[in-house]
């Protein structure tokens, strides 16, 4: 079912729309209808895109088993061993 309505448009926009419709051999109504369909479809896609949530990490984290966070010399030793292990790949 179609319905009639009144739309207020700037004169220059209405004139451009009439020329475009005439150049395409169609009615002004069909041109406006197509534009509204596109505008509504884009709005729907944007609303869907906003609902995408970032991925959530499932890592538990925390120190490795047996690591005492209060013993700074032990932490330094673990870091040094890790560094030596990484550097051994460059030989």
N, C-alpha and C. Protein backbone atom coordinates (compact mmCIF):
# COMPACT_ATOMS: atom_id res chain seq x y z
N UNK A 1 0.85 -1.18 0.00
CA UNK A 1 0.00 0.00 0.00
C UNK A 1 0.89 1.24 0.00
N UNK A 2 0.64 2.12 -0.92
CA UNK A 2 1.39 3.37 -0.96
C UNK A 2 0.63 4.45 -0.23
N UNK A 3 1.36 5.42 0.26
CA UNK A 3 0.75 6.51 1.01
C UNK A 3 1.36 7.82 0.54
N UNK A 4 0.57 8.84 0.49
CA UNK A 4 1.03 10.16 0.09
C UNK A 4 1.52 10.90 1.32
N UNK A 5 2.57 11.72 1.11
CA UNK A 5 3.10 12.54 2.19
C UNK A 5 3.71 13.80 1.58
N UNK A 6 3.90 14.78 2.41
CA UNK A 6 4.54 16.02 1.96
C UNK A 6 5.95 16.06 2.52
N UNK A 7 6.90 16.37 1.66
CA UNK A 7 8.30 16.47 2.07
C UNK A 7 8.80 17.84 1.69
N UNK A 8 9.47 18.50 2.61
CA UNK A 8 10.05 19.80 2.33
C UNK A 8 11.53 19.62 1.99
N UNK A 9 11.89 20.07 0.79
CA UNK A 9 13.27 19.94 0.31
C UNK A 9 13.77 21.29 -0.14
N UNK A 10 15.08 21.53 -0.02
CA UNK A 10 15.64 22.76 -0.57
C UNK A 10 15.39 22.79 -2.09
N UNK A 11 15.11 23.96 -2.61
CA UNK A 11 14.75 24.11 -4.03
C UNK A 11 15.83 23.53 -4.95
N UNK A 12 17.11 23.82 -4.66
CA UNK A 12 18.18 23.34 -5.55
C UNK A 12 18.27 21.81 -5.55
N UNK A 13 18.01 21.18 -4.39
CA UNK A 13 18.05 19.72 -4.31
C UNK A 13 16.88 19.11 -5.09
N UNK A 14 15.72 19.69 -4.94
CA UNK A 14 14.55 19.20 -5.67
C UNK A 14 14.75 19.34 -7.18
N UNK A 15 15.31 20.46 -7.63
CA UNK A 15 15.56 20.65 -9.06
C UNK A 15 16.56 19.62 -9.58
N UNK A 16 17.61 19.37 -8.82
CA UNK A 16 18.60 18.35 -9.24
C UNK A 16 17.96 16.97 -9.31
N UNK A 17 17.12 16.65 -8.32
CA UNK A 17 16.44 15.35 -8.30
C UNK A 17 15.51 15.20 -9.49
N UNK A 18 14.78 16.25 -9.82
CA UNK A 18 13.88 16.19 -10.99
C UNK A 18 14.67 15.96 -12.28
N UNK A 19 15.79 16.68 -12.42
CA UNK A 19 16.62 16.50 -13.62
C UNK A 19 17.18 15.09 -13.71
N UNK A 20 17.63 14.55 -12.60
CA UNK A 20 18.18 13.19 -12.58
C UNK A 20 17.10 12.18 -12.94
N UNK A 21 15.92 12.32 -12.36
CA UNK A 21 14.83 11.39 -12.65
C UNK A 21 14.47 11.46 -14.14
N UNK A 22 14.39 12.66 -14.69
CA UNK A 22 14.05 12.81 -16.10
C UNK A 22 15.14 12.20 -16.99
N UNK A 23 16.39 12.40 -16.62
CA UNK A 23 17.49 11.85 -17.41
C UNK A 23 17.48 10.33 -17.40
N UNK A 24 16.99 9.75 -16.31
CA UNK A 24 16.93 8.29 -16.20
C UNK A 24 15.59 7.73 -16.69
N UNK A 25 14.69 8.62 -17.10
CA UNK A 25 13.38 8.18 -17.60
C UNK A 25 12.51 7.56 -16.52
N UNK A 26 12.55 8.12 -15.35
CA UNK A 26 11.74 7.60 -14.24
C UNK A 26 11.06 8.74 -13.51
N UNK A 27 10.22 8.41 -12.57
CA UNK A 27 9.51 9.44 -11.83
C UNK A 27 10.34 9.93 -10.65
N UNK A 28 10.01 11.12 -10.20
CA UNK A 28 10.66 11.67 -9.02
C UNK A 28 10.36 10.77 -7.81
N UNK A 29 9.16 10.25 -7.73
CA UNK A 29 8.79 9.37 -6.63
C UNK A 29 9.68 8.13 -6.58
N UNK A 30 9.93 7.52 -7.73
CA UNK A 30 10.77 6.31 -7.73
C UNK A 30 12.20 6.64 -7.32
N UNK A 31 12.69 7.81 -7.71
CA UNK A 31 14.04 8.22 -7.32
C UNK A 31 14.12 8.42 -5.81
N UNK A 32 13.15 9.10 -5.24
CA UNK A 32 13.12 9.33 -3.80
C UNK A 32 12.97 8.01 -3.06
N UNK A 33 12.12 7.13 -3.55
CA UNK A 33 11.90 5.83 -2.92
C UNK A 33 13.21 5.02 -2.89
N UNK A 34 13.93 5.02 -4.01
CA UNK A 34 15.20 4.29 -4.05
C UNK A 34 16.20 4.87 -3.06
N UNK A 35 16.27 6.20 -2.99
CA UNK A 35 17.18 6.84 -2.05
C UNK A 35 16.84 6.50 -0.61
N UNK A 36 15.57 6.47 -0.27
CA UNK A 36 15.16 6.11 1.08
C UNK A 36 15.49 4.66 1.40
N UNK A 37 15.30 3.78 0.42
CA UNK A 37 15.63 2.36 0.64
C UNK A 37 17.13 2.20 0.93
N UNK A 38 17.96 2.91 0.18
CA UNK A 38 19.40 2.84 0.39
C UNK A 38 19.76 3.39 1.77
N UNK A 39 19.18 4.52 2.12
CA UNK A 39 19.48 5.14 3.42
C UNK A 39 19.07 4.23 4.57
N UNK A 40 17.93 3.60 4.47
CA UNK A 40 17.46 2.71 5.53
C UNK A 40 18.33 1.46 5.60
N UNK A 41 18.72 0.91 4.45
CA UNK A 41 19.57 -0.28 4.44
C UNK A 41 20.93 0.02 5.04
N UNK A 42 21.53 1.16 4.75
CA UNK A 42 22.83 1.52 5.32
C UNK A 42 22.73 1.67 6.83
N UNK A 43 21.64 2.24 7.30
CA UNK A 43 21.47 2.42 8.74
C UNK A 43 21.42 1.05 9.42
N UNK A 44 20.75 0.11 8.81
CA UNK A 44 20.62 -1.22 9.39
C UNK A 44 22.00 -1.89 9.46
N UNK A 45 22.83 -1.74 8.41
CA UNK A 45 24.17 -2.34 8.42
C UNK A 45 25.05 -1.70 9.47
N UNK A 46 24.95 -0.39 9.66
CA UNK A 46 25.76 0.29 10.66
C UNK A 46 25.37 -0.17 12.05
N UNK A 47 24.07 -0.30 12.31
CA UNK A 47 23.62 -0.73 13.62
C UNK A 47 24.12 -2.14 13.92
N UNK A 48 24.15 -3.02 12.94
CA UNK A 48 24.65 -4.37 13.14
C UNK A 48 26.14 -4.33 13.42
N UNK A 49 26.88 -3.50 12.71
CA UNK A 49 28.32 -3.44 12.88
C UNK A 49 28.68 -2.95 14.28
N UNK A 50 27.89 -2.11 14.88
CA UNK A 50 28.19 -1.58 16.20
C UNK A 50 28.07 -2.64 17.29
N UNK A 51 27.35 -3.72 17.01
CA UNK A 51 27.13 -4.75 18.02
C UNK A 51 28.26 -5.78 18.10
N UNK A 52 29.24 -5.70 17.23
CA UNK A 52 30.34 -6.65 17.25
C UNK A 52 31.23 -6.33 18.44
N UNK A 53 31.43 -7.31 19.28
CA UNK A 53 32.23 -7.12 20.49
C UNK A 53 33.64 -7.64 20.27
N UNK A 54 34.63 -7.06 20.94
CA UNK A 54 36.00 -7.56 20.80
C UNK A 54 36.13 -8.95 21.42
N UNK A 55 37.11 -9.69 20.93
CA UNK A 55 37.35 -11.02 21.48
C UNK A 55 37.85 -10.89 22.92
N UNK A 56 37.48 -11.84 23.74
CA UNK A 56 37.88 -11.83 25.14
C UNK A 56 38.93 -12.92 25.34
N UNK A 57 40.02 -12.57 26.00
CA UNK A 57 41.08 -13.54 26.27
C UNK A 57 40.60 -14.56 27.29
N UNK A 58 40.96 -15.81 27.05
CA UNK A 58 40.62 -16.86 28.01
C UNK A 58 41.84 -17.30 28.80
N UNK A 59 42.93 -16.55 28.66
CA UNK A 59 44.16 -16.89 29.39
C UNK A 59 43.94 -16.64 30.88
N UNK A 60 44.53 -17.51 31.68
CA UNK A 60 44.36 -17.37 33.12
C UNK A 60 45.41 -16.45 33.70
N UNK A 61 46.58 -16.36 33.06
CA UNK A 61 47.62 -15.45 33.51
C UNK A 61 48.25 -15.88 34.82
N UNK A 62 49.00 -14.98 35.41
CA UNK A 62 49.67 -15.26 36.67
C UNK A 62 51.07 -15.80 36.46
N UNK A 63 51.83 -15.91 37.52
CA UNK A 63 53.21 -16.39 37.40
C UNK A 63 53.25 -17.89 37.15
N UNK A 64 54.39 -18.35 36.65
CA UNK A 64 54.58 -19.78 36.44
C UNK A 64 54.60 -20.47 37.79
N UNK A 65 54.24 -21.75 37.83
CA UNK A 65 54.28 -22.48 39.11
C UNK A 65 55.69 -22.47 39.69
N UNK A 66 55.80 -22.28 40.98
CA UNK A 66 57.09 -22.29 41.66
C UNK A 66 57.80 -20.96 41.70
N UNK A 67 57.23 -19.91 41.12
CA UNK A 67 57.86 -18.59 41.11
C UNK A 67 57.38 -17.80 42.32
N UNK A 68 58.33 -17.32 43.11
CA UNK A 68 58.01 -16.52 44.29
C UNK A 68 58.16 -15.04 43.92
N UNK A 69 57.09 -14.31 43.88
CA UNK A 69 57.12 -12.92 43.47
C UNK A 69 57.78 -12.00 44.50
N UNK A 70 57.98 -12.49 45.69
CA UNK A 70 58.61 -11.67 46.72
C UNK A 70 60.13 -11.82 46.72
N UNK A 71 60.68 -12.77 45.95
CA UNK A 71 62.13 -13.00 45.90
C UNK A 71 62.68 -12.36 44.62
N UNK A 72 63.19 -11.13 44.75
CA UNK A 72 63.64 -10.41 43.56
C UNK A 72 64.85 -11.05 42.90
N UNK A 73 65.75 -11.67 43.67
CA UNK A 73 66.92 -12.31 43.06
C UNK A 73 66.50 -13.53 42.23
N UNK A 74 65.48 -14.26 42.69
CA UNK A 74 64.99 -15.41 41.93
C UNK A 74 64.31 -14.93 40.64
N UNK A 75 63.60 -13.83 40.72
CA UNK A 75 62.96 -13.28 39.52
C UNK A 75 64.00 -12.83 38.51
N UNK A 76 65.09 -12.21 38.99
CA UNK A 76 66.17 -11.78 38.09
C UNK A 76 66.83 -12.99 37.44
N UNK A 77 67.01 -14.04 38.20
CA UNK A 77 67.63 -15.26 37.65
C UNK A 77 66.75 -15.87 36.55
N UNK A 78 65.45 -15.90 36.79
CA UNK A 78 64.51 -16.43 35.78
C UNK A 78 64.58 -15.58 34.51
N UNK A 79 64.64 -14.26 34.66
CA UNK A 79 64.72 -13.36 33.52
C UNK A 79 66.04 -13.56 32.76
N UNK A 80 67.14 -13.74 33.50
CA UNK A 80 68.44 -13.97 32.87
C UNK A 80 68.45 -15.27 32.08
N UNK A 81 67.88 -16.33 32.65
CA UNK A 81 67.83 -17.62 31.96
C UNK A 81 66.97 -17.54 30.70
N UNK A 82 65.90 -16.78 30.79
CA UNK A 82 65.04 -16.58 29.62
C UNK A 82 65.79 -15.83 28.52
N UNK A 83 66.57 -14.82 28.92
CA UNK A 83 67.34 -14.03 27.96
C UNK A 83 68.41 -14.90 27.29
N UNK A 84 69.10 -15.70 28.07
CA UNK A 84 70.13 -16.59 27.52
C UNK A 84 69.49 -17.57 26.54
N UNK A 85 68.33 -18.07 26.88
CA UNK A 85 67.63 -19.00 25.98
C UNK A 85 67.25 -18.33 24.67
N UNK A 86 66.82 -17.09 24.71
CA UNK A 86 66.46 -16.38 23.48
C UNK A 86 67.69 -16.06 22.62
N UNK A 87 68.80 -15.73 23.29
CA UNK A 87 70.02 -15.37 22.57
C UNK A 87 70.72 -16.59 21.97
N UNK A 88 70.49 -17.77 22.53
CA UNK A 88 71.15 -18.97 22.01
C UNK A 88 70.67 -19.31 20.61
N UNK A 89 69.52 -18.81 20.19
CA UNK A 89 69.00 -19.05 18.84
C UNK A 89 69.75 -18.25 17.79
N UNK A 90 70.51 -17.22 18.21
CA UNK A 90 71.20 -16.36 17.26
C UNK A 90 72.63 -16.82 16.94
N UNK A 91 73.09 -17.88 17.57
CA UNK A 91 74.47 -18.35 17.35
C UNK A 91 74.61 -19.12 16.07
